[in-house]
Amino acid sequence: MKTLIFFTFAFILCFFKANSAPDPVLTYYGKSVRTGVECYPVMRLLNKVGYDSIGFIFPAALSNKTCPVGVAFASQIEGADHSITITPVNPKKGVIRLSTDVNIKFSDTNICHESNVWRLKYDKAMKQYVVMMGGVEGNPGPETLDNWFKFEKAADGYYKLVFCPSVCSYCKTMCGDIGTAIDNNGVSRLVLGGEPLSFGF
């Protein structure tokens, strides 16, 4: 009888654990970040010598060309606090949650008249993968792997942005944290790897 009760309890515990949703991404005020609602992320950059700087992300022209547009970080720049919207793989979900595939996009338009959705793309000049614009929103699958990111917990109420899409169960994907690296023009760009970068809302 005791054995039966134990296994029944274990089954119920596993059931609730399997069906429990990941924790929500929270603002500094403890409110959940909502699907499709504009928010202004504040970035925290920790470089190799331990200097902690606060800044913003913004769309930036790259490689001395007007287009295409990438995502950059600056500790101080006029008008750098551009808003973004975040949409989970299931857009009907009203709350953004940890470890869940999401699309991220700037809310305003860009001069290149391309999509504001973020995507990961290889940059030949920098010889690494960088965060660009021009991605596809929604349509999860092998064709849109480069457009999906995840938020995971970091320190002090911040979150790290991770590229490790799970929208395709049979696809081979890279995984890594999104950080920053300086390009040939002195622009601090969001890249796969690089100096650790955290998001706050």
C-alpha atoms as a PDB file:
ATOM      1  CA  MET A   1       0.000   0.000   0.000  1.00  0.00           C
ATOM      2  CA  LYS A   2       2.813   2.395   0.914  1.00  0.00           C
ATOM      3  CA  THR A   3       4.536   1.593  -2.391  1.00  0.00           C
ATOM      4  CA  LEU A   4       1.350   2.392  -4.331  1.00  0.00           C
ATOM      5  CA  ILE A   5       0.933   5.718  -2.514  1.00  0.00           C
ATOM      6  CA  PHE A   6       4.567   6.605  -3.201  1.00  0.00           C
ATOM      7  CA  PHE A   7       4.316   5.932  -6.945  1.00  0.00           C
ATOM      8  CA  THR A   8       0.994   7.794  -7.149  1.00  0.00           C
ATOM      9  CA  PHE A   9       2.541  10.823  -5.463  1.00  0.00           C
ATOM     10  CA  ALA A  10       5.624  10.629  -7.715  1.00  0.00           C
ATOM     11  CA  PHE A  11       3.405  10.484 -10.816  1.00  0.00           C
ATOM     12  CA  ILE A  12       1.386  13.526  -9.728  1.00  0.00           C
ATOM     13  CA  LEU A  13       4.582  15.457  -8.954  1.00  0.00           C
ATOM     14  CA  CYS A  14       6.079  14.626 -12.366  1.00  0.00           C
ATOM     15  CA  PHE A  15       2.815  15.561 -14.091  1.00  0.00           C
ATOM     16  CA  PHE A  16       2.679  19.016 -12.524  1.00  0.00           C
ATOM     17  CA  LYS A  17       6.390  19.592 -13.151  1.00  0.00           C
ATOM     18  CA  ALA A  18       6.040  18.638 -16.811  1.00  0.00           C
ATOM     19  CA  ASN A  19       3.053  20.928 -17.249  1.00  0.00           C
ATOM     20  CA  SER A  20       4.382  23.891 -15.296  1.00  0.00           C
ATOM     21  CA  ALA A  21       5.291  26.886 -17.424  1.00  0.00           C
ATOM     22  CA  PRO A  22       8.779  28.449 -17.198  1.00  0.00           C
ATOM     23  CA  ASP A  23       9.111  31.550 -15.044  1.00  0.00           C
ATOM     24  CA  PRO A  24       8.074  34.842 -16.704  1.00  0.00           C
ATOM     25  CA  VAL A  25      10.564  37.530 -17.693  1.00  0.00           C
ATOM     26  CA  LEU A  26      10.007  40.364 -15.223  1.00  0.00           C
ATOM     27  CA  THR A  27      10.564  44.109 -15.204  1.00  0.00           C
ATOM     28  CA  TYR A  28      12.402  45.857 -12.363  1.00  0.00           C
ATOM     29  CA  TYR A  29       8.980  46.445 -10.808  1.00  0.00           C
ATOM     30  CA  GLY A  30       8.125  42.748 -10.774  1.00  0.00           C
ATOM     31  CA  LYS A  31       5.637  42.862 -13.630  1.00  0.00           C
ATOM     32  CA  SER A  32       5.693  40.334 -16.459  1.00  0.00           C
ATOM     33  CA  VAL A  33       6.997  41.448 -19.850  1.00  0.00           C
ATOM     34  CA  ARG A  34       4.008  41.128 -22.161  1.00  0.00           C
ATOM     35  CA  THR A  35       3.761  39.803 -25.703  1.00  0.00           C
ATOM     36  CA  GLY A  36       3.834  42.556 -28.344  1.00  0.00           C
ATOM     37  CA  VAL A  37       3.982  45.383 -25.794  1.00  0.00           C
ATOM     38  CA  GLU A  38       6.723  47.979 -26.343  1.00  0.00           C
ATOM     39  CA  CYS A  39       9.474  47.952 -23.729  1.00  0.00           C
ATOM     40  CA  TYR A  40      12.779  49.774 -23.306  1.00  0.00           C
ATOM     41  CA  PRO A  41      15.604  47.395 -22.396  1.00  0.00           C
ATOM     42  CA  VAL A  42      18.515  48.701 -20.343  1.00  0.00           C
ATOM     43  CA  MET A  43      21.749  46.902 -21.060  1.00  0.00           C
ATOM     44  CA  ARG A  44      24.532  45.974 -18.662  1.00  0.00           C
ATOM     45  CA  LEU A  45      27.961  45.227 -20.121  1.00  0.00           C
ATOM     46  CA  LEU A  46      30.697  43.508 -18.119  1.00  0.00           C
ATOM     47  CA  ASN A  47      34.022  43.594 -19.935  1.00  0.00           C
ATOM     48  CA  LYS A  48      37.209  41.611 -19.327  1.00  0.00           C
ATOM     49  CA  VAL A  49      38.600  44.019 -16.732  1.00  0.00           C
ATOM     50  CA  GLY A  50      35.364  43.951 -14.776  1.00  0.00           C
ATOM     51  CA  TYR A  51      34.110  47.426 -15.732  1.00  0.00           C
ATOM     52  CA  ASP A  52      30.343  47.520 -15.485  1.00  0.00           C
ATOM     53  CA  SER A  53      28.644  49.938 -17.883  1.00  0.00           C
ATOM     54  CA  ILE A  54      24.978  50.644 -18.469  1.00  0.00           C
ATOM     55  CA  GLY A  55      23.683  51.459 -21.929  1.00  0.00           C
ATOM     56  CA  PHE A  56      21.100  50.945 -24.637  1.00  0.00           C
ATOM     57  CA  ILE A  57      20.645  49.090 -27.901  1.00  0.00           C
ATOM     58  CA  PHE A  58      19.849  50.749 -31.198  1.00  0.00           C
ATOM     59  CA  PRO A  59      19.778  49.999 -34.948  1.00  0.00           C
ATOM     60  CA  ALA A  60      23.027  50.986 -36.647  1.00  0.00           C
ATOM     61  CA  ALA A  61      24.279  51.058 -40.217  1.00  0.00           C
ATOM     62  CA  LEU A  62      27.274  48.773 -40.597  1.00  0.00           C
ATOM     63  CA  SER A  63      30.513  48.582 -42.576  1.00  0.00           C
ATOM     64  CA  ASN A  64      30.359  52.184 -43.807  1.00  0.00           C
ATOM     65  CA  LYS A  65      27.134  51.405 -45.651  1.00  0.00           C
ATOM     66  CA  THR A  66      23.650  52.680 -45.015  1.00  0.00           C
ATOM     67  CA  CYS A  67      22.193  49.190 -45.365  1.00  0.00           C
ATOM     68  CA  PRO A  68      21.841  46.548 -44.052  1.00  0.00           C
ATOM     69  CA  VAL A  69      21.089  47.469 -40.443  1.00  0.00           C
ATOM     70  CA  GLY A  70      22.510  45.700 -37.401  1.00  0.00           C
ATOM     71  CA  VAL A  71      21.916  45.879 -33.662  1.00  0.00           C
ATOM     72  CA  ALA A  72      24.452  47.876 -31.661  1.00  0.00           C
ATOM     73  CA  PHE A  73      25.159  48.825 -28.042  1.00  0.00           C
ATOM     74  CA  ALA A  74      26.222  52.214 -26.695  1.00  0.00           C
ATOM     75  CA  SER A  75      26.739  53.374 -23.131  1.00  0.00           C
ATOM     76  CA  GLN A  76      25.872  56.966 -24.030  1.00  0.00           C
ATOM     77  CA  ILE A  77      24.228  58.098 -27.245  1.00  0.00           C
ATOM     78  CA  GLU A  78      21.432  60.525 -27.960  1.00  0.00           C
ATOM     79  CA  GLY A  79      18.154  58.772 -28.643  1.00  0.00           C
ATOM     80  CA  ALA A  80      19.628  55.312 -28.069  1.00  0.00           C
ATOM     81  CA  ASP A  81      16.722  54.060 -25.994  1.00  0.00           C
ATOM     82  CA  HIS A  82      14.803  52.449 -28.846  1.00  0.00           C
ATOM     83  CA  SER A  83      11.845  50.318 -27.828  1.00  0.00           C
ATOM     84  CA  ILE A  84      11.436  46.684 -28.803  1.00  0.00           C
ATOM     85  CA  THR A  85       8.591  44.207 -28.856  1.00  0.00           C
ATOM     86  CA  ILE A  86       8.958  40.523 -28.039  1.00  0.00           C
ATOM     87  CA  THR A  87       6.738  37.755 -29.413  1.00  0.00           C
ATOM     88  CA  PRO A  88       6.933  34.107 -28.266  1.00  0.00           C
ATOM     89  CA  VAL A  89       6.774  31.130 -30.586  1.00  0.00           C
ATOM     90  CA  ASN A  90       3.097  30.847 -29.606  1.00  0.00           C
ATOM     91  CA  PRO A  91       1.891  34.444 -30.103  1.00  0.00           C
ATOM     92  CA  LYS A  92      -1.342  33.675 -28.216  1.00  0.00           C
ATOM     93  CA  LYS A  93       0.658  33.489 -24.987  1.00  0.00           C
ATOM     94  CA  GLY A  94       0.398  36.856 -23.270  1.00  0.00           C
ATOM     95  CA  VAL A  95       3.564  36.610 -21.177  1.00  0.00           C
ATOM     96  CA  ILE A  96       7.219  36.287 -22.212  1.00  0.00           C
ATOM     97  CA  ARG A  97       8.828  33.368 -20.386  1.00  0.00           C
ATOM     98  CA  LEU A  98      12.346  32.084 -19.779  1.00  0.00           C
ATOM     99  CA  SER A  99      13.848  29.404 -22.033  1.00  0.00           C
ATOM    100  CA  THR A 100      11.147  30.021 -24.652  1.00  0.00           C
ATOM    101  CA  ASP A 101      11.814  30.853 -28.310  1.00  0.00           C
ATOM    102  CA  VAL A 102      10.955  34.473 -29.072  1.00  0.00           C
ATOM    103  CA  ASN A 103      11.198  36.971 -31.912  1.00  0.00           C
ATOM    104  CA  ILE A 104      12.571  40.410 -31.033  1.00  0.00           C
ATOM    105  CA  LYS A 105      12.106  43.501 -33.145  1.00  0.00           C
ATOM    106  CA  PHE A 106      12.562  47.248 -32.927  1.00  0.00           C
ATOM    107  CA  SER A 107       9.276  49.114 -32.770  1.00  0.00           C
ATOM    108  CA  ASP A 108      10.208  51.959 -35.122  1.00  0.00           C
ATOM    109  CA  THR A 109      10.887  51.720 -38.853  1.00  0.00           C
ATOM    110  CA  ASN A 110      14.360  51.693 -40.380  1.00  0.00           C
ATOM    111  CA  ILE A 111      15.896  53.522 -43.319  1.00  0.00           C
ATOM    112  CA  CYS A 112      16.453  50.305 -45.245  1.00  0.00           C
ATOM    113  CA  HIS A 113      12.727  49.517 -45.359  1.00  0.00           C
ATOM    114  CA  GLU A 114      13.413  45.966 -44.207  1.00  0.00           C
ATOM    115  CA  SER A 115      11.960  43.933 -41.390  1.00  0.00           C
ATOM    116  CA  ASN A 116      12.855  45.091 -37.861  1.00  0.00           C
ATOM    117  CA  VAL A 117      12.955  41.483 -36.627  1.00  0.00           C
ATOM    118  CA  TRP A 118      16.331  40.417 -35.250  1.00  0.00           C
ATOM    119  CA  ARG A 119      18.216  37.518 -36.771  1.00  0.00           C
ATOM    120  CA  LEU A 120      21.671  35.990 -36.494  1.00  0.00           C
ATOM    121  CA  LYS A 121      23.860  36.241 -39.578  1.00  0.00           C
ATOM    122  CA  TYR A 122      27.529  35.600 -40.321  1.00  0.00           C
ATOM    123  CA  ASP A 123      29.598  38.749 -40.885  1.00  0.00           C
ATOM    124  CA  LYS A 124      32.610  38.102 -43.115  1.00  0.00           C
ATOM    125  CA  ALA A 125      34.441  41.244 -41.998  1.00  0.00           C
ATOM    126  CA  MET A 126      34.166  40.373 -38.302  1.00  0.00           C
ATOM    127  CA  LYS A 127      34.425  36.633 -38.912  1.00  0.00           C
ATOM    128  CA  GLN A 128      31.656  35.894 -36.459  1.00  0.00           C
ATOM    129  CA  TYR A 129      27.889  35.736 -36.186  1.00  0.00           C
ATOM    130  CA  VAL A 130      26.203  39.075 -35.488  1.00  0.00           C
ATOM    131  CA  VAL A 131      22.663  40.209 -34.719  1.00  0.00           C
ATOM    132  CA  MET A 132      21.124  41.891 -37.736  1.00  0.00           C
ATOM    133  CA  MET A 133      17.685  43.062 -38.776  1.00  0.00           C
ATOM    134  CA  GLY A 134      15.651  41.737 -41.673  1.00  0.00           C
ATOM    135  CA  GLY A 135      14.394  38.570 -39.995  1.00  0.00           C
ATOM    136  CA  VAL A 136      11.021  36.860 -40.264  1.00  0.00           C
ATOM    137  CA  GLU A 137       8.435  37.096 -37.501  1.00  0.00           C
ATOM    138  CA  GLY A 138       6.679  33.852 -36.612  1.00  0.00           C
ATOM    139  CA  ASN A 139       6.554  30.839 -38.941  1.00  0.00           C
ATOM    140  CA  PRO A 140       8.693  28.607 -36.655  1.00  0.00           C
ATOM    141  CA  GLY A 141      10.644  25.933 -38.497  1.00  0.00           C
ATOM    142  CA  PRO A 142      13.945  25.191 -40.264  1.00  0.00           C
ATOM    143  CA  GLU A 143      13.626  28.213 -42.581  1.00  0.00           C
ATOM    144  CA  THR A 144      13.473  30.673 -39.669  1.00  0.00           C
ATOM    145  CA  LEU A 145      16.034  29.212 -37.250  1.00  0.00           C
ATOM    146  CA  ASP A 146      18.157  32.373 -37.320  1.00  0.00           C
ATOM    147  CA  ASN A 147      15.263  34.509 -36.045  1.00  0.00           C
ATOM    148  CA  TRP A 148      14.680  32.905 -32.636  1.00  0.00           C
ATOM    149  CA  PHE A 149      16.254  33.857 -29.305  1.00  0.00           C
ATOM    150  CA  LYS A 150      15.639  33.025 -25.652  1.00  0.00           C
ATOM    151  CA  PHE A 151      15.947  34.873 -22.352  1.00  0.00           C
ATOM    152  CA  GLU A 152      17.654  33.202 -19.401  1.00  0.00           C
ATOM    153  CA  LYS A 153      18.325  34.478 -15.894  1.00  0.00           C
ATOM    154  CA  ALA A 154      21.501  36.444 -15.222  1.00  0.00           C
ATOM    155  CA  ALA A 155      22.578  38.295 -12.060  1.00  0.00           C
ATOM    156  CA  ASP A 156      20.831  41.081 -10.132  1.00  0.00           C
ATOM    157  CA  GLY A 157      17.456  40.909 -11.875  1.00  0.00           C
ATOM    158  CA  TYR A 158      18.946  40.995 -15.365  1.00  0.00           C
ATOM    159  CA  TYR A 159      18.578  38.478 -18.156  1.00  0.00           C
ATOM    160  CA  LYS A 160      20.961  37.184 -20.774  1.00  0.00           C
ATOM    161  CA  LEU A 161      19.906  36.736 -24.372  1.00  0.00           C
ATOM    162  CA  VAL A 162      20.662  33.290 -25.756  1.00  0.00           C
ATOM    163  CA  PHE A 163      20.678  31.947 -29.289  1.00  0.00           C
ATOM    164  CA  CYS A 164      19.697  28.284 -29.146  1.00  0.00           C
ATOM    165  CA  PRO A 165      16.515  27.814 -31.194  1.00  0.00           C
ATOM    166  CA  SER A 166      14.331  24.795 -30.561  1.00  0.00           C
ATOM    167  CA  VAL A 167      11.665  25.469 -33.202  1.00  0.00           C
ATOM    168  CA  CYS A 168      13.030  22.598 -35.298  1.00  0.00           C
ATOM    169  CA  SER A 169      13.473  19.287 -33.462  1.00  0.00           C
ATOM    170  CA  TYR A 170      15.623  17.647 -36.153  1.00  0.00           C
ATOM    171  CA  CYS A 171      17.817  20.650 -37.059  1.00  0.00           C
ATOM    172  CA  LYS A 172      21.421  21.033 -35.934  1.00  0.00           C
ATOM    173  CA  THR A 173      21.793  24.443 -34.295  1.00  0.00           C
ATOM    174  CA  MET A 174      24.486  26.530 -32.667  1.00  0.00           C
ATOM    175  CA  CYS A 175      24.007  27.656 -29.088  1.00  0.00           C
ATOM    176  CA  GLY A 176      25.560  30.549 -27.220  1.00  0.00           C
ATOM    177  CA  ASP A 177      25.001  33.769 -25.311  1.00  0.00           C
ATOM    178  CA  ILE A 178      24.625  37.082 -27.129  1.00  0.00           C
ATOM    179  CA  GLY A 179      27.312  39.604 -26.169  1.00  0.00           C
ATOM    180  CA  THR A 180      29.143  42.495 -27.827  1.00  0.00           C
ATOM    181  CA  ALA A 181      32.228  42.964 -29.997  1.00  0.00           C
ATOM    182  CA  ILE A 182      33.757  46.036 -31.643  1.00  0.00           C
ATOM    183  CA  ASP A 183      33.723  46.064 -35.450  1.00  0.00           C
ATOM    184  CA  ASN A 184      36.235  47.768 -37.771  1.00  0.00           C
ATOM    185  CA  ASN A 185      34.327  51.055 -37.492  1.00  0.00           C
ATOM    186  CA  GLY A 186      34.439  51.134 -33.703  1.00  0.00           C
ATOM    187  CA  VAL A 187      30.776  50.174 -33.320  1.00  0.00           C
ATOM    188  CA  SER A 188      29.899  47.845 -30.447  1.00  0.00           C
ATOM    189  CA  ARG A 189      27.729  45.222 -32.096  1.00  0.00           C
ATOM    190  CA  LEU A 190      25.637  42.424 -30.665  1.00  0.00           C
ATOM    191  CA  VAL A 191      27.282  39.120 -31.564  1.00  0.00           C
ATOM    192  CA  LEU A 192      27.222  35.449 -30.690  1.00  0.00           C
ATOM    193  CA  GLY A 193      29.730  35.295 -27.847  1.00  0.00           C
ATOM    194  CA  GLY A 194      31.826  38.403 -27.136  1.00  0.00           C
ATOM    195  CA  GLU A 195      31.746  40.497 -23.972  1.00  0.00           C
ATOM    196  CA  PRO A 196      28.898  39.399 -21.648  1.00  0.00           C
ATOM    197  CA  LEU A 197      25.765  41.505 -22.060  1.00  0.00           C
ATOM    198  CA  SER A 198      22.638  41.467 -19.897  1.00  0.00           C
ATOM    199  CA  PHE A 199      19.132  42.801 -20.466  1.00  0.00           C
ATOM    200  CA  GLY A 200      16.929  44.572 -17.937  1.00  0.00           C
ATOM    201  CA  PHE A 201      13.385  45.875 -18.448  1.00  0.00           C
END
